[in-house]
Amino acid sequence: MKKTLLIIALSIGVAACGSQSGKTDASAQSTAGGQFKGEGLMASSDCNTCHKPDVKLVGPSFKDIANKYSDGDIDKLADKVMQGGSGSWGDVPMAAHPAISKEDAKEMVKFILSHK
């Protein structure tokens, strides 16, 4: 039953993928075009399959993550992005992303934390 729900949730996530319209804070690094570096990195990854700026999907929203963690947690959260895991937000595990560098994972986390 859990596998069926996970498959359904992931299917909805894939169908719901779209542009990010979350409110951001100037504390995250931005590129010359005004887009956050982490935002661009996330757009080229699978993050938006499970996460949205203001709505819980399979995983927590960026806003919920930003409200739970601070800038002091950037390294810890970057490791979580790279290694995956479960337990922080329920039973559904987050997939590991070992191909993402620590630097890129930190930029992604900074963008997420800008959604306070």
Protein backbone atom coordinates (compact mmCIF):
# COMPACT_ATOMS: atom_id res chain seq x y z
CA MET A 1 0.00 0.00 0.00
CA LYS A 2 2.83 2.41 0.87
CA LYS A 3 4.52 1.67 -2.45
CA THR A 4 1.29 2.35 -4.31
CA LEU A 5 0.85 5.68 -2.52
CA LEU A 6 4.46 6.62 -3.21
CA ILE A 7 4.08 5.81 -6.91
CA ILE A 8 0.88 7.85 -7.10
CA ALA A 9 2.49 10.77 -5.26
CA LEU A 10 5.54 10.69 -7.52
CA SER A 11 3.30 10.55 -10.60
CA ILE A 12 1.41 13.60 -9.38
CA GLY A 13 4.73 15.31 -8.67
CA VAL A 14 5.99 14.70 -12.18
CA ALA A 15 2.72 15.96 -13.65
CA ALA A 16 2.75 19.02 -11.40
CA CYS A 17 6.29 20.10 -12.29
CA GLY A 18 6.41 23.70 -13.34
CA SER A 19 8.00 27.03 -12.71
CA GLN A 20 8.90 28.15 -9.23
CA SER A 21 7.04 31.19 -8.01
CA GLY A 22 8.19 31.26 -4.42
CA LYS A 23 9.01 34.46 -2.61
CA THR A 24 12.75 34.77 -2.20
CA ASP A 25 15.12 36.70 0.02
CA ALA A 26 18.19 38.54 -1.23
CA SER A 27 20.45 36.53 1.10
CA ALA A 28 20.94 33.72 -1.44
CA GLN A 29 23.46 34.29 -4.24
CA SER A 30 21.97 35.31 -7.54
CA THR A 31 23.32 35.17 -11.05
CA ALA A 32 23.71 38.18 -13.33
CA GLY A 33 20.18 37.59 -14.66
CA GLY A 34 18.71 37.85 -11.16
CA GLN A 35 18.01 34.13 -10.82
CA PHE A 36 19.43 32.38 -7.77
CA LYS A 37 22.26 30.00 -8.65
CA GLY A 38 20.61 27.30 -6.51
CA GLU A 39 17.30 27.83 -8.29
CA GLY A 40 18.91 27.09 -11.64
CA LEU A 41 20.68 24.04 -10.23
CA MET A 42 17.41 22.74 -8.82
CA ALA A 43 15.62 23.30 -12.11
CA SER A 44 18.12 21.01 -13.81
CA SER A 45 17.72 18.35 -11.11
CA ASP A 46 14.69 16.36 -9.96
CA CYS A 47 13.92 18.52 -6.89
CA ASN A 48 10.65 19.90 -8.23
CA THR A 49 9.26 16.39 -8.57
CA CYS A 50 8.82 16.20 -4.80
CA HIS A 51 9.11 19.81 -3.57
CA LYS A 52 7.26 23.05 -4.35
CA PRO A 53 7.79 26.56 -2.95
CA ASP A 54 4.60 26.87 -0.89
CA VAL A 55 2.87 23.47 -1.05
CA LYS A 56 3.75 20.11 0.48
CA LEU A 57 3.95 17.55 -2.29
CA VAL A 58 5.80 14.28 -1.65
CA GLY A 59 8.32 16.19 0.45
CA PRO A 60 7.98 19.40 2.43
CA SER A 61 7.60 22.79 0.75
CA PHE A 62 10.59 25.10 0.51
CA LYS A 63 8.79 27.44 2.89
CA ASP A 64 8.34 24.71 5.51
CA ILE A 65 12.02 23.76 5.21
CA ALA A 66 13.07 27.42 5.51
CA ASN A 67 10.93 27.86 8.62
CA LYS A 68 12.41 24.77 10.29
CA TYR A 69 16.09 25.41 9.53
CA SER A 70 18.50 28.37 9.57
CA ASP A 71 21.62 29.42 7.70
CA GLY A 72 23.61 27.53 10.32
CA ASP A 73 22.16 24.28 8.93
CA ILE A 74 23.40 24.77 5.34
CA ASP A 75 26.19 22.18 5.56
CA LYS A 76 23.92 19.63 7.24
CA LEU A 77 21.16 20.12 4.68
CA ALA A 78 23.62 20.01 1.76
CA ASP A 79 24.81 16.63 3.06
CA LYS A 80 21.16 15.51 3.23
CA VAL A 81 20.64 16.52 -0.41
CA MET A 82 23.70 14.52 -1.45
CA GLN A 83 23.14 11.47 0.78
CA GLY A 84 19.34 11.35 0.95
CA GLY A 85 17.57 10.02 4.00
CA SER A 86 14.30 9.90 5.88
CA GLY A 87 12.78 10.65 9.23
CA SER A 88 12.93 14.44 9.28
CA TRP A 89 9.58 14.87 7.51
CA GLY A 90 7.94 11.46 7.78
CA ASP A 91 8.47 8.00 6.35
CA VAL A 92 8.96 8.83 2.67
CA PRO A 93 12.72 8.85 2.00
CA MET A 94 14.44 11.51 -0.04
CA ALA A 95 16.56 10.05 -2.81
CA ALA A 96 20.30 10.56 -2.65
CA HIS A 97 21.92 12.87 -5.20
CA PRO A 98 25.59 11.81 -5.08
CA ALA A 99 26.40 13.45 -8.42
CA ILE A 100 25.66 16.90 -6.96
CA SER A 101 28.77 18.58 -5.57
CA LYS A 102 28.81 19.92 -2.02
CA GLU A 103 29.14 23.48 -3.38
CA ASP A 104 26.09 23.07 -5.64
CA ALA A 105 24.09 21.41 -2.86
CA LYS A 106 24.88 24.37 -0.60
CA GLU A 107 23.66 26.80 -3.29
CA MET A 108 20.43 24.81 -3.59
CA VAL A 109 19.94 24.91 0.18
CA LYS A 110 20.58 28.66 0.28
CA PHE A 111 17.83 29.12 -2.32
CA ILE A 112 15.44 26.93 -0.32
CA LEU A 113 16.19 28.82 2.89
CA SER A 114 15.42 32.12 1.13
CA HIS A 115 11.72 31.15 1.18
CA LYS A 116 11.12 32.40 4.75
